[in-house]
């Protein structure tokens, strides 16, 4: 991505894709206040959440493919379950992320047009998750891959990495 610092480490395809859709979602959110841009912001940001969760599962050595159909991957709910129950990682933002996912489902399946106010709520809480989860669970800095303008515009404070 132009203007971003890149680490020398190789990113998995899941992480690369997560950063791409996250940046695209934030682009739509900040581009305008149309319902179409709000819709794409929510769809893309929710997809980024799911991809980061799947990456955490994968990094724990657990397959993200469904047991009964290896051609399909687990859904966001199964990723949460594995992370919380099997990997024993707490996701404090989960309640707000579930709310965002339900909004995404309403957009996808019921053709909802989200408001700017609701989308702002979702973007704020999603960014809090991204900053913490990407740093603590994936050992990456969000600002190395996402425009710092987006992070600053959402007024989110960076978190310190958990001591191991």
N, C-alpha and C. Protein backbone atom coordinates (compact mmCIF):
# COMPACT_ATOMS: atom_id res chain seq x y z
N UNK A 1 0.84 -1.17 0.00
CA UNK A 1 0.00 0.00 0.00
C UNK A 1 0.89 1.24 0.00
N UNK A 2 0.64 2.17 -0.87
CA UNK A 2 1.48 3.36 -0.96
C UNK A 2 1.46 4.15 0.34
N UNK A 3 2.64 4.65 0.73
CA UNK A 3 2.72 5.50 1.91
C UNK A 3 2.74 4.75 3.22
N UNK A 4 2.71 3.45 3.21
CA UNK A 4 2.74 2.67 4.43
C UNK A 4 4.11 2.03 4.58
N UNK A 5 4.55 1.92 5.81
CA UNK A 5 5.77 1.17 6.08
C UNK A 5 5.40 -0.30 6.09
N UNK A 6 6.24 -1.11 5.55
CA UNK A 6 5.97 -2.54 5.56
C UNK A 6 7.06 -3.26 6.32
N UNK A 7 6.66 -4.16 7.13
CA UNK A 7 7.61 -4.99 7.85
C UNK A 7 8.22 -5.97 6.87
N UNK A 8 9.38 -6.47 7.22
CA UNK A 8 10.03 -7.43 6.34
C UNK A 8 9.41 -8.82 6.45
N UNK A 9 8.69 -9.06 7.53
CA UNK A 9 8.08 -10.38 7.67
C UNK A 9 7.00 -10.58 6.62
N UNK A 10 6.80 -11.81 6.25
CA UNK A 10 5.77 -12.15 5.27
C UNK A 10 4.43 -12.26 5.98
N UNK A 11 3.43 -11.61 5.43
CA UNK A 11 2.08 -11.69 5.99
C UNK A 11 1.34 -12.83 5.32
N UNK A 12 0.50 -13.49 6.09
CA UNK A 12 -0.32 -14.54 5.50
C UNK A 12 -1.34 -13.90 4.56
N UNK A 13 -1.86 -14.67 3.61
CA UNK A 13 -2.91 -14.14 2.73
C UNK A 13 -4.13 -13.63 3.51
N UNK A 14 -4.45 -14.26 4.63
CA UNK A 14 -5.59 -13.79 5.44
C UNK A 14 -5.33 -12.39 5.97
N UNK A 15 -4.14 -12.17 6.49
CA UNK A 15 -3.81 -10.87 7.07
C UNK A 15 -3.73 -9.81 5.98
N UNK A 16 -3.09 -10.11 4.88
CA UNK A 16 -3.02 -9.14 3.78
C UNK A 16 -4.42 -8.74 3.33
N UNK A 17 -5.28 -9.72 3.16
CA UNK A 17 -6.65 -9.45 2.74
C UNK A 17 -7.40 -8.64 3.80
N UNK A 18 -7.19 -8.98 5.07
CA UNK A 18 -7.85 -8.25 6.15
C UNK A 18 -7.47 -6.77 6.12
N UNK A 19 -6.17 -6.49 5.95
CA UNK A 19 -5.74 -5.10 5.89
C UNK A 19 -6.32 -4.40 4.67
N UNK A 20 -6.38 -5.09 3.54
CA UNK A 20 -6.94 -4.49 2.32
C UNK A 20 -8.41 -4.13 2.47
N UNK A 21 -9.21 -5.07 2.99
CA UNK A 21 -10.65 -4.77 3.12
C UNK A 21 -10.91 -3.76 4.23
N UNK A 22 -10.08 -3.78 5.27
CA UNK A 22 -10.22 -2.78 6.32
C UNK A 22 -9.96 -1.39 5.76
N UNK A 23 -8.87 -1.24 5.04
CA UNK A 23 -8.55 0.07 4.47
C UNK A 23 -9.65 0.52 3.50
N UNK A 24 -10.16 -0.40 2.71
CA UNK A 24 -11.23 -0.06 1.77
C UNK A 24 -12.51 0.34 2.51
N UNK A 25 -12.82 -0.36 3.59
CA UNK A 25 -13.99 0.00 4.39
C UNK A 25 -13.85 1.38 5.00
N UNK A 26 -12.66 1.68 5.52
CA UNK A 26 -12.43 3.00 6.10
C UNK A 26 -12.45 4.08 5.03
N UNK A 27 -11.95 3.76 3.84
CA UNK A 27 -12.04 4.70 2.72
C UNK A 27 -13.50 5.08 2.47
N UNK A 28 -14.38 4.08 2.42
CA UNK A 28 -15.80 4.38 2.18
C UNK A 28 -16.38 5.20 3.33
N UNK A 29 -16.01 4.87 4.55
CA UNK A 29 -16.56 5.58 5.70
C UNK A 29 -16.18 7.06 5.66
N UNK A 30 -14.94 7.35 5.33
CA UNK A 30 -14.49 8.75 5.34
C UNK A 30 -14.76 9.48 4.03
N UNK A 31 -15.09 8.76 2.97
CA UNK A 31 -15.27 9.38 1.66
C UNK A 31 -16.51 10.26 1.59
N UNK A 32 -17.63 9.76 2.10
CA UNK A 32 -18.86 10.54 2.05
C UNK A 32 -19.82 10.03 3.11
N UNK A 33 -20.97 10.66 3.19
CA UNK A 33 -21.98 10.23 4.16
C UNK A 33 -23.17 9.57 3.47
N UNK A 34 -22.96 9.04 2.27
CA UNK A 34 -24.06 8.37 1.58
C UNK A 34 -24.32 7.01 2.21
N UNK A 35 -25.54 6.55 2.08
CA UNK A 35 -25.87 5.24 2.63
C UNK A 35 -25.06 4.14 1.93
N UNK A 36 -24.75 4.36 0.66
CA UNK A 36 -23.95 3.37 -0.08
C UNK A 36 -22.55 3.26 0.51
N UNK A 37 -21.93 4.39 0.81
CA UNK A 37 -20.60 4.33 1.43
C UNK A 37 -20.67 3.74 2.84
N UNK A 38 -21.70 4.07 3.60
CA UNK A 38 -21.84 3.51 4.95
C UNK A 38 -22.03 1.99 4.88
N UNK A 39 -22.79 1.56 3.89
CA UNK A 39 -23.04 0.13 3.68
C UNK A 39 -21.72 -0.60 3.40
N UNK A 40 -20.93 -0.08 2.46
CA UNK A 40 -19.67 -0.74 2.13
C UNK A 40 -18.67 -0.65 3.27
N UNK A 41 -18.70 0.42 4.03
CA UNK A 41 -17.82 0.53 5.20
C UNK A 41 -18.10 -0.61 6.17
N UNK A 42 -19.36 -0.82 6.48
CA UNK A 42 -19.73 -1.89 7.42
C UNK A 42 -19.41 -3.27 6.86
N UNK A 43 -19.75 -3.50 5.61
CA UNK A 43 -19.47 -4.81 5.00
C UNK A 43 -17.98 -5.14 5.03
N UNK A 44 -17.15 -4.18 4.64
CA UNK A 44 -15.71 -4.42 4.57
C UNK A 44 -15.08 -4.53 5.95
N UNK A 45 -15.47 -3.69 6.87
CA UNK A 45 -14.89 -3.73 8.21
C UNK A 45 -15.27 -5.03 8.91
N UNK A 46 -16.50 -5.47 8.73
CA UNK A 46 -16.92 -6.75 9.32
C UNK A 46 -16.11 -7.91 8.72
N UNK A 47 -15.87 -7.85 7.43
CA UNK A 47 -15.08 -8.89 6.78
C UNK A 47 -13.65 -8.89 7.34
N UNK A 48 -13.08 -7.73 7.57
CA UNK A 48 -11.73 -7.64 8.14
C UNK A 48 -11.69 -8.26 9.54
N UNK A 49 -12.70 -8.01 10.34
CA UNK A 49 -12.77 -8.61 11.67
C UNK A 49 -12.73 -10.13 11.55
N UNK A 50 -13.57 -10.67 10.69
CA UNK A 50 -13.62 -12.13 10.52
C UNK A 50 -12.28 -12.69 10.05
N UNK A 51 -11.62 -12.01 9.13
CA UNK A 51 -10.33 -12.49 8.63
C UNK A 51 -9.26 -12.45 9.72
N UNK A 52 -9.23 -11.40 10.53
CA UNK A 52 -8.26 -11.35 11.62
C UNK A 52 -8.54 -12.44 12.65
N UNK A 53 -9.81 -12.69 12.94
CA UNK A 53 -10.14 -13.77 13.88
C UNK A 53 -9.68 -15.12 13.33
N UNK A 54 -9.93 -15.36 12.06
CA UNK A 54 -9.51 -16.62 11.44
C UNK A 54 -7.99 -16.76 11.45
N UNK A 55 -7.29 -15.65 11.26
CA UNK A 55 -5.83 -15.69 11.31
C UNK A 55 -5.34 -16.09 12.70
N UNK A 56 -6.00 -15.59 13.73
CA UNK A 56 -5.60 -15.96 15.10
C UNK A 56 -5.81 -17.45 15.33
N UNK A 57 -6.91 -17.99 14.81
CA UNK A 57 -7.18 -19.42 14.90
C UNK A 57 -6.08 -20.19 14.17
N UNK A 58 -5.76 -19.76 12.96
CA UNK A 58 -4.74 -20.42 12.15
C UNK A 58 -3.38 -20.38 12.84
N UNK A 59 -3.03 -19.23 13.42
CA UNK A 59 -1.74 -19.11 14.09
C UNK A 59 -1.64 -20.01 15.32
N UNK A 60 -2.77 -20.39 15.88
CA UNK A 60 -2.78 -21.30 17.02
C UNK A 60 -2.62 -22.76 16.57
N UNK A 61 -2.51 -22.96 15.26
CA UNK A 61 -2.34 -24.31 14.74
C UNK A 61 -3.64 -25.06 14.55
N UNK A 62 -4.74 -24.33 14.55
CA UNK A 62 -6.07 -24.94 14.39
C UNK A 62 -6.57 -24.64 12.98
N UNK A 63 -7.07 -25.64 12.32
CA UNK A 63 -7.56 -25.46 10.96
C UNK A 63 -8.77 -24.53 10.93
N UNK A 64 -8.79 -23.66 9.93
CA UNK A 64 -9.96 -22.80 9.75
C UNK A 64 -10.97 -23.43 8.80
N UNK A 65 -10.66 -24.61 8.30
CA UNK A 65 -11.60 -25.32 7.43
C UNK A 65 -12.61 -26.08 8.27
N UNK A 66 -13.83 -26.14 7.78
CA UNK A 66 -14.87 -26.88 8.48
C UNK A 66 -14.54 -28.38 8.43
N UNK A 67 -14.79 -29.04 9.54
CA UNK A 67 -14.49 -30.48 9.61
C UNK A 67 -15.36 -31.29 8.65
N UNK A 68 -16.63 -30.94 8.55
CA UNK A 68 -17.55 -31.71 7.71
C UNK A 68 -17.52 -31.29 6.24
N UNK A 69 -16.85 -30.16 5.94
CA UNK A 69 -16.72 -29.71 4.55
C UNK A 69 -15.43 -28.90 4.43
N UNK A 70 -14.30 -29.56 4.20
CA UNK A 70 -13.01 -28.87 4.18
C UNK A 70 -12.85 -27.82 3.08
N UNK A 71 -13.80 -27.73 2.16
CA UNK A 71 -13.74 -26.70 1.13
C UNK A 71 -14.28 -25.37 1.64
N UNK A 72 -14.90 -25.37 2.82
CA UNK A 72 -15.44 -24.16 3.42
C UNK A 72 -14.69 -23.84 4.70
N UNK A 73 -14.61 -22.55 5.02
CA UNK A 73 -13.96 -22.15 6.26
C UNK A 73 -15.01 -21.87 7.34
N UNK A 74 -14.54 -21.83 8.56
CA UNK A 74 -15.42 -21.56 9.70
C UNK A 74 -15.99 -20.15 9.57
N UNK A 75 -17.11 -19.90 10.23
CA UNK A 75 -17.70 -18.56 10.22
C UNK A 75 -17.20 -17.77 11.43
N UNK A 76 -17.63 -16.55 11.52
CA UNK A 76 -17.16 -15.67 12.59
C UNK A 76 -17.53 -16.22 13.96
N UNK A 77 -18.70 -16.83 14.09
CA UNK A 77 -19.15 -17.36 15.39
C UNK A 77 -18.26 -18.50 15.85
N UNK A 78 -17.88 -19.37 14.93
CA UNK A 78 -16.98 -20.48 15.26
C UNK A 78 -15.59 -19.96 15.59
N UNK A 79 -15.15 -18.92 14.90
CA UNK A 79 -13.85 -18.32 15.20
C UNK A 79 -13.84 -17.77 16.62
N UNK A 80 -14.90 -17.05 17.01
CA UNK A 80 -15.00 -16.56 18.38
C UNK A 80 -14.94 -17.72 19.37
N UNK A 81 -15.70 -18.77 19.11
CA UNK A 81 -15.75 -19.91 20.03
C UNK A 81 -14.37 -20.52 20.20
N UNK A 82 -13.68 -20.77 19.10
CA UNK A 82 -12.35 -21.39 19.17
C UNK A 82 -11.38 -20.48 19.93
N UNK A 83 -11.40 -19.19 19.62
CA UNK A 83 -10.48 -18.26 20.27
C UNK A 83 -10.74 -18.21 21.77
N UNK A 84 -12.00 -18.15 22.15
CA UNK A 84 -12.32 -18.03 23.57
C UNK A 84 -12.19 -19.36 24.32
N UNK A 85 -12.69 -20.44 23.75
CA UNK A 85 -12.71 -21.71 24.48
C UNK A 85 -11.45 -22.54 24.30
N UNK A 86 -10.93 -22.61 23.10
CA UNK A 86 -9.77 -23.47 22.84
C UNK A 86 -8.44 -22.74 23.04
N UNK A 87 -8.35 -21.52 22.56
CA UNK A 87 -7.10 -20.76 22.67
C UNK A 87 -7.06 -20.00 24.00
N UNK A 88 -8.23 -19.80 24.60
CA UNK A 88 -8.36 -19.12 25.89
C UNK A 88 -7.97 -17.64 25.82
N UNK A 89 -8.42 -16.97 24.78
CA UNK A 89 -8.20 -15.54 24.60
C UNK A 89 -9.54 -14.83 24.74
N UNK A 90 -9.57 -13.81 25.56
CA UNK A 90 -10.78 -13.01 25.75
C UNK A 90 -10.81 -11.89 24.72
N UNK A 91 -11.98 -11.65 24.17
CA UNK A 91 -12.18 -10.55 23.22
C UNK A 91 -13.16 -9.57 23.86
N UNK A 92 -12.63 -8.56 24.58
CA UNK A 92 -13.51 -7.65 25.30
C UNK A 92 -14.46 -6.85 24.40
N UNK A 93 -14.09 -6.68 23.15
CA UNK A 93 -14.92 -5.90 22.22
C UNK A 93 -16.02 -6.75 21.58
N UNK A 94 -16.10 -8.01 21.92
CA UNK A 94 -16.99 -8.95 21.23
C UNK A 94 -18.44 -8.46 21.16
N UNK A 95 -18.98 -7.93 22.22
CA UNK A 95 -20.37 -7.48 22.22
C UNK A 95 -20.64 -6.44 21.13
N UNK A 96 -19.76 -5.46 21.01
CA UNK A 96 -19.93 -4.45 19.97
C UNK A 96 -19.68 -5.02 18.59
N UNK A 97 -18.74 -5.97 18.48
CA UNK A 97 -18.46 -6.59 17.18
C UNK A 97 -19.62 -7.46 16.72
N UNK A 98 -20.28 -8.13 17.67
CA UNK A 98 -21.47 -8.91 17.32
C UNK A 98 -22.58 -7.99 16.81
N UNK A 99 -22.71 -6.85 17.43
CA UNK A 99 -23.69 -5.85 17.03
C UNK A 99 -23.41 -5.40 15.59
N UNK A 100 -22.14 -5.14 15.30
CA UNK A 100 -21.73 -4.76 13.95
C UNK A 100 -22.04 -5.88 12.96
N UNK A 101 -21.76 -7.13 13.36
CA UNK A 101 -22.02 -8.26 12.46
C UNK A 101 -23.51 -8.41 12.16
N UNK A 102 -24.34 -8.15 13.15
CA UNK A 102 -25.79 -8.20 12.92
C UNK A 102 -26.22 -7.10 11.96
N UNK A 103 -25.60 -5.93 12.07
CA UNK A 103 -25.89 -4.84 11.12
C UNK A 103 -25.48 -5.27 9.71
N UNK A 104 -24.32 -5.90 9.61
CA UNK A 104 -23.84 -6.42 8.33
C UNK A 104 -24.84 -7.43 7.75
N UNK A 105 -25.36 -8.30 8.60
CA UNK A 105 -26.35 -9.28 8.15
C UNK A 105 -27.61 -8.59 7.64
N UNK A 106 -28.03 -7.54 8.32
CA UNK A 106 -29.22 -6.80 7.88
C UNK A 106 -28.97 -6.12 6.53
N UNK A 107 -27.76 -5.62 6.34
CA UNK A 107 -27.41 -5.01 5.05
C UNK A 107 -27.40 -6.07 3.97
N UNK A 108 -26.75 -7.18 4.26
CA UNK A 108 -26.55 -8.24 3.27
C UNK A 108 -27.86 -8.94 2.91
N UNK A 109 -28.68 -9.21 3.91
CA UNK A 109 -29.85 -10.06 3.69
C UNK A 109 -31.19 -9.34 3.68
N UNK A 110 -31.22 -8.12 4.25
CA UNK A 110 -32.49 -7.39 4.31
C UNK A 110 -32.39 -6.04 3.63
N UNK A 111 -31.26 -5.78 2.97
CA UNK A 111 -31.06 -4.56 2.19
C UNK A 111 -31.18 -3.28 3.01
N UNK A 112 -30.73 -3.33 4.25
CA UNK A 112 -30.74 -2.18 5.14
C UNK A 112 -29.79 -1.10 4.62
N UNK A 113 -30.18 0.14 4.79
CA UNK A 113 -29.30 1.27 4.51
C UNK A 113 -28.90 1.89 5.84
N UNK A 114 -27.67 1.69 6.28
CA UNK A 114 -27.26 2.17 7.61
C UNK A 114 -27.11 3.68 7.66
N UNK A 115 -27.34 4.23 8.85
CA UNK A 115 -27.18 5.67 9.05
C UNK A 115 -25.72 6.00 9.31
N UNK A 116 -25.38 7.26 9.13
CA UNK A 116 -24.03 7.75 9.42
C UNK A 116 -23.74 7.59 10.91
N UNK A 117 -24.73 7.88 11.75
CA UNK A 117 -24.54 7.79 13.20
C UNK A 117 -24.25 6.36 13.64
N UNK A 118 -25.06 5.42 13.15
CA UNK A 118 -24.83 4.02 13.52
C UNK A 118 -23.49 3.52 12.99
N UNK A 119 -23.17 3.90 11.77
CA UNK A 119 -21.91 3.47 11.18
C UNK A 119 -20.74 4.02 11.98
N UNK A 120 -20.84 5.25 12.44
CA UNK A 120 -19.78 5.84 13.27
C UNK A 120 -19.56 5.05 14.54
N UNK A 121 -20.65 4.62 15.16
CA UNK A 121 -20.56 3.78 16.36
C UNK A 121 -19.79 2.50 16.05
N UNK A 122 -20.17 1.84 14.96
CA UNK A 122 -19.51 0.59 14.58
C UNK A 122 -18.04 0.79 14.24
N UNK A 123 -17.73 1.87 13.52
CA UNK A 123 -16.34 2.11 13.12
C UNK A 123 -15.47 2.38 14.34
N UNK A 124 -15.97 3.15 15.27
CA UNK A 124 -15.22 3.46 16.49
C UNK A 124 -14.88 2.19 17.25
N UNK A 125 -15.87 1.35 17.47
CA UNK A 125 -15.63 0.13 18.25
C UNK A 125 -14.81 -0.90 17.48
N UNK A 126 -14.99 -0.95 16.19
CA UNK A 126 -14.18 -1.86 15.39
C UNK A 126 -12.72 -1.43 15.42
N UNK A 127 -12.46 -0.14 15.33
CA UNK A 127 -11.08 0.34 15.34
C UNK A 127 -10.42 0.04 16.68
N UNK A 128 -11.16 0.15 17.76
CA UNK A 128 -10.61 -0.22 19.08
C UNK A 128 -10.19 -1.69 19.07
N UNK A 129 -11.03 -2.54 18.50
CA UNK A 129 -10.68 -3.96 18.37
C UNK A 129 -9.43 -4.14 17.52
N UNK A 130 -9.41 -3.53 16.34
CA UNK A 130 -8.27 -3.70 15.44
C UNK A 130 -6.96 -3.29 16.11
N UNK A 131 -6.95 -2.13 16.74
CA UNK A 131 -5.73 -1.65 17.37
C UNK A 131 -5.23 -2.64 18.43
N UNK A 132 -6.12 -3.13 19.26
CA UNK A 132 -5.72 -4.05 20.32
C UNK A 132 -5.40 -5.44 19.78
N UNK A 133 -6.30 -6.01 19.02
CA UNK A 133 -6.17 -7.40 18.58
C UNK A 133 -4.98 -7.60 17.65
N UNK A 134 -4.81 -6.71 16.70
CA UNK A 134 -3.72 -6.85 15.75
C UNK A 134 -2.38 -6.76 16.48
N UNK A 135 -2.29 -5.89 17.48
CA UNK A 135 -1.04 -5.74 18.22
C UNK A 135 -0.81 -6.89 19.19
N UNK A 136 -1.80 -7.17 20.01
CA UNK A 136 -1.63 -8.15 21.08
C UNK A 136 -1.66 -9.58 20.57
N UNK A 137 -2.58 -9.88 19.68
CA UNK A 137 -2.77 -11.27 19.24
C UNK A 137 -1.99 -11.64 17.98
N UNK A 138 -1.70 -10.67 17.12
CA UNK A 138 -1.01 -10.98 15.86
C UNK A 138 0.39 -10.37 15.78
N UNK A 139 0.77 -9.59 16.81
CA UNK A 139 2.09 -8.98 16.91
C UNK A 139 2.41 -8.09 15.71
N UNK A 140 1.42 -7.31 15.30
CA UNK A 140 1.57 -6.37 14.19
C UNK A 140 1.10 -5.00 14.65
N UNK A 141 1.56 -3.97 13.99
CA UNK A 141 1.11 -2.60 14.26
C UNK A 141 0.14 -2.20 13.16
N UNK A 142 -1.06 -1.86 13.53
CA UNK A 142 -2.07 -1.45 12.56
C UNK A 142 -1.57 -0.29 11.70
N UNK A 143 -0.87 0.65 12.34
CA UNK A 143 -0.40 1.84 11.61
C UNK A 143 0.67 1.52 10.58
N UNK A 144 1.24 0.32 10.60
CA UNK A 144 2.19 -0.08 9.56
C UNK A 144 1.47 -0.44 8.26
N UNK A 145 0.16 -0.67 8.34
CA UNK A 145 -0.57 -1.18 7.18
C UNK A 145 -1.80 -0.35 6.82
N UNK A 146 -2.27 0.47 7.76
CA UNK A 146 -3.47 1.28 7.56
C UNK A 146 -3.08 2.75 7.73
N UNK A 147 -3.62 3.61 6.92
CA UNK A 147 -3.32 5.04 7.00
C UNK A 147 -3.55 5.57 8.42
N UNK A 148 -2.54 6.24 8.95
CA UNK A 148 -2.66 6.80 10.30
C UNK A 148 -3.76 7.86 10.36
N UNK A 149 -4.08 8.47 9.21
CA UNK A 149 -5.18 9.44 9.16
C UNK A 149 -6.48 8.79 9.61
N UNK A 150 -6.73 7.56 9.14
CA UNK A 150 -7.96 6.86 9.51
C UNK A 150 -8.00 6.61 11.01
N UNK A 151 -6.89 6.19 11.56
CA UNK A 151 -6.82 5.90 12.99
C UNK A 151 -7.04 7.17 13.78
N UNK A 152 -6.36 8.25 13.39
CA UNK A 152 -6.48 9.53 14.08
C UNK A 152 -7.89 10.10 13.96
N UNK A 153 -8.50 9.98 12.79
CA UNK A 153 -9.84 10.54 12.60
C UNK A 153 -10.89 9.86 13.46
N UNK A 154 -10.64 8.62 13.83
CA UNK A 154 -11.57 7.93 14.71
C UNK A 154 -11.24 8.15 16.18
N UNK A 155 -10.21 8.99 16.44
CA UNK A 155 -9.82 9.37 17.82
C UNK A 155 -9.62 8.16 18.71
N UNK A 156 -8.94 7.18 18.21
CA UNK A 156 -8.68 5.98 18.99
C UNK A 156 -7.26 6.05 19.51
N UNK A 157 -7.12 5.78 20.80
CA UNK A 157 -5.80 5.79 21.40
C UNK A 157 -5.15 4.42 21.25
N UNK A 158 -3.85 4.39 20.89
CA UNK A 158 -3.17 3.10 20.79
C UNK A 158 -3.09 2.40 22.12
N UNK A 159 -2.97 1.08 22.09
CA UNK A 159 -2.88 0.30 23.32
C UNK A 159 -1.46 -0.23 23.46
N UNK A 160 -1.10 -0.51 24.69
CA UNK A 160 0.20 -1.11 24.94
C UNK A 160 0.10 -2.62 24.77
N UNK A 161 1.17 -3.19 24.28
CA UNK A 161 1.20 -4.63 24.08
C UNK A 161 1.22 -5.33 25.44
N UNK A 162 0.47 -6.41 25.52
CA UNK A 162 0.41 -7.20 26.73
C UNK A 162 1.78 -7.84 27.00
N UNK A 163 2.19 -7.84 28.25
CA UNK A 163 3.44 -8.50 28.61
C UNK A 163 3.22 -9.99 28.59
N UNK A 164 4.22 -10.71 28.03
CA UNK A 164 4.10 -12.18 27.97
C UNK A 164 4.94 -12.82 29.01
